[in-house]
N, C-alpha and C. Protein backbone atom coordinates (compact mmCIF):
# COMPACT_ATOMS: atom_id res chain seq x y z
N MET A 1 127.14 -88.52 142.95
CA MET A 1 126.46 -86.87 142.99
C MET A 1 125.69 -86.47 143.82
N THR A 2 124.61 -87.21 143.97
CA THR A 2 124.09 -86.68 145.39
C THR A 2 124.62 -86.87 146.72
N THR A 3 125.61 -87.92 146.73
CA THR A 3 126.53 -88.26 148.08
C THR A 3 127.30 -86.56 148.11
N ALA A 4 127.49 -85.99 147.32
CA ALA A 4 128.51 -85.15 146.75
C ALA A 4 127.97 -83.50 147.58
N ARG A 5 126.56 -83.76 146.96
CA ARG A 5 125.28 -83.08 147.09
C ARG A 5 125.02 -82.66 148.71
N ASP A 6 125.10 -83.86 148.76
CA ASP A 6 123.81 -83.69 150.10
C ASP A 6 125.75 -83.65 151.30
N ALA A 7 126.87 -83.88 151.42
CA ALA A 7 127.67 -83.81 151.90
C ALA A 7 128.04 -82.16 152.09
N ALA A 8 128.15 -80.99 150.67
CA ALA A 8 128.07 -79.80 150.79
C ALA A 8 126.75 -78.98 151.46
N ARG A 9 125.72 -79.50 151.15
CA ARG A 9 124.56 -78.64 151.88
C ARG A 9 124.66 -79.51 153.05
N LEU A 10 124.99 -80.12 153.83
CA LEU A 10 125.02 -80.61 155.25
C LEU A 10 126.18 -80.06 155.94
N LEU A 11 127.21 -79.63 155.07
CA LEU A 11 128.32 -78.76 155.70
C LEU A 11 128.03 -76.92 155.72
N THR A 12 127.27 -76.81 154.77
CA THR A 12 126.25 -75.38 155.65
C THR A 12 125.79 -75.21 156.29
N TRP A 13 124.88 -76.46 156.18
CA TRP A 13 123.94 -76.39 157.40
C TRP A 13 124.78 -76.14 158.35
N ARG A 14 125.72 -77.04 158.49
CA ARG A 14 126.16 -76.76 160.49
C ARG A 14 126.88 -75.59 160.19
N ALA A 15 127.84 -74.61 159.37
CA ALA A 15 128.47 -73.64 159.57
C ALA A 15 127.44 -72.52 160.04
N ALA A 16 126.21 -72.56 159.15
CA ALA A 16 125.34 -71.82 159.60
C ALA A 16 124.36 -72.18 160.95
N MET A 17 124.48 -72.94 161.67
CA MET A 17 124.11 -73.19 162.69
C MET A 17 124.68 -72.69 163.76
N MET A 18 126.11 -73.23 163.55
CA MET A 18 127.00 -72.71 164.68
C MET A 18 127.33 -71.38 164.72
N LYS A 19 126.88 -70.47 163.52
CA LYS A 19 127.43 -68.96 163.21
C LYS A 19 125.66 -68.66 164.15
N ASP A 20 124.29 -69.39 164.05
CA ASP A 20 123.13 -68.98 164.83
C ASP A 20 123.42 -69.08 166.21
N ALA A 21 124.73 -70.08 166.96
CA ALA A 21 124.90 -70.09 168.33
C ALA A 21 125.57 -69.46 168.39
N GLY A 22 126.51 -68.48 167.93
CA GLY A 22 127.02 -67.34 168.41
C GLY A 22 128.79 -67.76 168.72
N GLU A 23 128.98 -69.81 167.79
CA GLU A 23 130.49 -69.80 168.09
C GLU A 23 131.09 -69.97 166.42
N LYS A 24 132.65 -69.61 166.91
CA LYS A 24 133.28 -69.40 166.09
C LYS A 24 133.30 -70.86 164.54
N TYR A 25 132.93 -70.01 163.27
CA TYR A 25 132.32 -70.81 162.54
C TYR A 25 133.23 -71.00 161.54
N THR A 26 134.76 -70.45 161.14
CA THR A 26 135.54 -70.48 160.33
C THR A 26 135.71 -70.85 159.06
N ARG A 27 136.26 -72.09 160.13
CA ARG A 27 136.92 -73.75 159.15
C ARG A 27 135.08 -74.44 158.36
N GLU A 28 134.38 -73.92 159.25
CA GLU A 28 133.45 -74.79 158.68
C GLU A 28 132.66 -74.15 157.83
N ALA A 29 132.67 -72.68 157.17
CA ALA A 29 132.26 -71.51 156.24
C ALA A 29 133.56 -72.10 154.98
N ALA A 30 134.12 -72.34 155.64
CA ALA A 30 135.53 -72.47 154.40
C ALA A 30 135.31 -73.74 153.94
N MET A 31 134.67 -74.94 154.94
CA MET A 31 134.66 -76.63 154.21
C MET A 31 133.95 -76.47 154.01
N ALA A 32 132.80 -75.58 154.09
CA ALA A 32 131.15 -75.86 153.39
C ALA A 32 131.52 -75.36 151.83
N LYS A 33 131.92 -74.50 151.76
CA LYS A 33 132.55 -73.82 150.26
C LYS A 33 133.25 -74.42 149.90
N LEU A 34 134.59 -74.81 150.11
CA LEU A 34 135.08 -75.48 149.59
C LEU A 34 134.45 -76.49 148.85
N MET A 35 133.50 -77.49 149.81
CA MET A 35 132.67 -79.11 148.93
C MET A 35 131.75 -78.67 148.34
N ALA A 36 131.36 -77.11 147.90
CA ALA A 36 130.13 -77.04 147.62
C ALA A 36 130.67 -76.71 145.82
N SER A 37 131.85 -75.65 145.98
CA SER A 37 132.11 -75.61 144.77
C SER A 37 132.30 -77.35 144.17
N GLU A 38 133.17 -77.68 145.06
CA GLU A 38 133.70 -78.93 144.06
C GLU A 38 133.07 -79.95 143.98
N ALA A 39 131.78 -80.27 144.55
CA ALA A 39 130.71 -80.76 144.16
C ALA A 39 129.96 -80.68 143.16
N ALA A 40 129.72 -79.12 142.77
CA ALA A 40 128.97 -78.59 141.55
C ALA A 40 129.83 -78.82 140.69
N THR A 41 131.61 -78.87 140.30
CA THR A 41 132.06 -78.74 139.34
C THR A 41 131.35 -80.42 138.84
N MET A 42 132.40 -81.29 140.23
CA MET A 42 132.11 -82.49 139.63
C MET A 42 130.71 -83.25 138.92
N CYS A 43 129.53 -82.56 139.43
CA CYS A 43 128.56 -83.00 139.25
C CYS A 43 128.49 -82.74 137.94
N ALA A 44 128.52 -81.51 137.47
CA ALA A 44 128.52 -81.48 136.41
C ALA A 44 129.47 -81.33 135.18
N HIS A 45 130.26 -81.72 135.39
CA HIS A 45 131.64 -82.83 134.78
C HIS A 45 131.39 -84.77 134.32
N GLN A 46 130.34 -84.95 135.43
CA GLN A 46 129.81 -86.61 135.06
C GLN A 46 128.24 -85.75 134.60
N SER A 47 127.78 -84.84 134.17
CA SER A 47 126.29 -85.06 133.16
C SER A 47 127.22 -84.76 131.85
N ILE A 48 128.24 -83.94 132.06
CA ILE A 48 128.42 -83.64 130.56
C ILE A 48 129.28 -85.66 130.27
N GLN A 49 129.87 -85.64 130.82
CA GLN A 49 130.29 -87.50 130.55
C GLN A 49 129.08 -88.66 130.00
N VAL A 50 128.27 -87.92 130.77
CA VAL A 50 126.71 -88.82 130.85
C VAL A 50 126.51 -89.07 129.09
N LEU A 51 126.44 -87.64 128.88
CA LEU A 51 126.18 -86.93 127.63
C LEU A 51 127.06 -87.22 126.37
N GLY A 52 128.14 -87.57 126.30
CA GLY A 52 129.11 -87.55 125.52
C GLY A 52 129.43 -86.12 125.09
N GLY A 53 129.82 -85.85 123.44
CA GLY A 53 130.03 -84.72 122.37
C GLY A 53 128.45 -84.30 123.31
N MET A 54 127.43 -84.41 122.98
CA MET A 54 126.38 -83.37 123.19
C MET A 54 126.56 -83.07 124.29
N GLY A 55 127.88 -83.69 125.59
CA GLY A 55 127.52 -82.23 126.29
C GLY A 55 128.01 -80.85 126.39
N TYR A 56 129.08 -80.93 125.40
CA TYR A 56 129.59 -79.71 124.68
C TYR A 56 129.67 -78.77 124.45
N VAL A 57 127.76 -79.12 123.65
CA VAL A 57 127.33 -78.16 122.64
C VAL A 57 127.01 -77.33 123.13
N SER A 58 127.11 -76.01 123.15
CA SER A 58 127.02 -74.56 124.02
C SER A 58 125.47 -74.89 123.56
N ASP A 59 124.43 -75.28 122.93
CA ASP A 59 123.17 -75.44 123.40
C ASP A 59 122.71 -76.23 124.53
N MET A 60 123.31 -77.05 124.89
CA MET A 60 122.79 -77.66 126.40
C MET A 60 123.05 -77.72 127.44
N PRO A 61 122.04 -77.35 128.19
CA PRO A 61 122.53 -76.95 129.17
C PRO A 61 123.64 -77.14 130.61
N ALA A 62 123.97 -78.43 129.82
CA ALA A 62 125.30 -78.94 131.03
C ALA A 62 126.08 -77.91 130.82
N GLU A 63 126.83 -78.26 129.51
CA GLU A 63 127.82 -76.95 129.94
C GLU A 63 127.68 -76.20 129.94
N ARG A 64 126.45 -75.26 130.19
CA ARG A 64 126.18 -74.20 130.55
C ARG A 64 126.48 -74.07 132.14
N HIS A 65 126.15 -75.51 133.03
CA HIS A 65 126.62 -75.67 134.45
C HIS A 65 127.47 -75.64 134.45
N TYR A 66 128.83 -76.31 133.97
CA TYR A 66 129.67 -76.65 134.31
C TYR A 66 130.69 -75.16 133.65
N ARG A 67 130.17 -74.32 133.33
CA ARG A 67 131.12 -72.95 133.29
C ARG A 67 130.90 -72.58 134.82
N ASP A 68 130.01 -72.31 134.49
CA ASP A 68 128.82 -72.48 135.83
C ASP A 68 129.57 -72.48 137.47
N ALA A 69 129.69 -73.90 137.34
CA ALA A 69 130.31 -74.48 138.46
C ALA A 69 131.95 -74.45 138.04
N ARG A 70 131.99 -74.30 137.25
CA ARG A 70 133.37 -73.99 137.31
C ARG A 70 134.71 -72.94 138.21
N ILE A 71 133.76 -71.83 137.47
CA ILE A 71 133.40 -70.48 138.21
C ILE A 71 133.57 -70.07 139.40
N THR A 72 133.38 -70.96 140.20
CA THR A 72 132.47 -71.16 141.60
C THR A 72 134.51 -71.60 142.80
N GLU A 73 135.37 -72.27 141.44
CA GLU A 73 136.48 -72.92 142.20
C GLU A 73 137.26 -71.35 142.24
N ILE A 74 137.57 -70.28 141.18
CA ILE A 74 137.59 -69.23 140.98
C ILE A 74 137.33 -68.35 141.22
N TYR A 75 135.97 -67.71 141.60
CA TYR A 75 135.99 -66.65 141.70
C TYR A 75 135.42 -66.73 143.14
N GLU A 76 135.45 -65.75 143.92
CA GLU A 76 134.67 -65.85 145.43
C GLU A 76 135.17 -66.55 146.35
N GLY A 77 136.87 -65.97 146.23
CA GLY A 77 138.20 -67.04 147.24
C GLY A 77 137.93 -68.87 146.86
N THR A 78 139.48 -68.86 146.01
CA THR A 78 139.63 -69.41 145.43
C THR A 78 139.63 -70.68 146.43
N SER A 79 139.23 -72.12 145.61
CA SER A 79 140.11 -73.67 146.48
C SER A 79 141.20 -73.84 147.00
N GLU A 80 142.47 -72.68 146.72
CA GLU A 80 143.68 -72.86 147.62
C GLU A 80 143.08 -72.27 148.62
N ILE A 81 142.55 -70.78 148.04
CA ILE A 81 142.70 -69.95 149.94
C ILE A 81 141.95 -70.41 150.80
N GLN A 82 140.58 -71.75 150.43
CA GLN A 82 140.10 -72.83 151.30
C GLN A 82 140.79 -73.25 151.91
N HIS A 83 141.36 -73.77 151.44
CA HIS A 83 141.93 -75.31 151.89
C HIS A 83 143.11 -74.53 152.96
N LEU A 84 143.82 -73.31 152.90
CA LEU A 84 144.66 -73.13 153.27
C LEU A 84 143.76 -72.10 154.21
N VAL A 85 142.71 -72.04 154.20
CA VAL A 85 141.99 -71.50 155.97
C VAL A 85 141.82 -73.01 156.98
N ILE A 86 141.39 -73.01 156.23
CA ILE A 86 140.96 -74.65 156.95
C ILE A 86 141.92 -75.57 157.13
N ALA A 87 142.86 -75.19 156.60
CA ALA A 87 144.70 -76.03 157.23
C ALA A 87 144.84 -74.92 158.56
N GLY A 88 145.39 -73.92 158.60
CA GLY A 88 145.12 -72.73 159.19
C GLY A 88 144.57 -72.89 160.83
N ASP A 89 143.01 -73.14 160.78
CA ASP A 89 142.70 -73.09 161.19
C ASP A 89 143.04 -74.44 162.26
N VAL A 90 143.38 -75.76 161.76
CA VAL A 90 143.21 -76.67 162.39
C VAL A 90 145.00 -76.66 162.87
N ILE A 91 145.69 -76.23 162.47
CA ILE A 91 147.58 -75.68 163.13
C ILE A 91 147.00 -74.78 164.70
N LYS A 92 146.26 -74.35 164.45
CA LYS A 92 146.04 -73.08 165.32
C LYS A 92 144.85 -74.34 166.73
N GLU A 93 144.45 -74.92 165.71
CA GLU A 93 143.67 -76.04 167.02
C GLU A 93 144.61 -76.68 167.48
N TYR A 94 145.48 -77.23 167.05
CA TYR A 94 146.27 -78.43 167.59
C TYR A 94 147.31 -77.53 168.69
N GLN A 95 147.81 -76.60 168.15
CA GLN A 95 149.00 -75.16 168.59
C GLN A 95 148.30 -75.30 169.91
N GLY A 96 146.91 -75.01 170.37
CA GLY A 96 146.95 -73.84 171.26
C GLY A 96 145.90 -73.94 171.57
């Protein structure tokens, strides 16, 4: 879980540094957003697994965290759209 969190954090910092430097950062921003949403969902899912049946009880914070993390893959640019943005940028890089 820590590895996924740190990877998302570093990608976010990289995209921010590129933006601050005035460089093109579309791909890096999409990669950071994709990684962050997937890392949050994975970490929340793993916490529910650790808690077992209690993880699904609505009184537990893990259940709310899972719902909140899962919605990040759906709203604010779905994961599929982020994949398309990344792939399109990679194709542009290799075509010209």
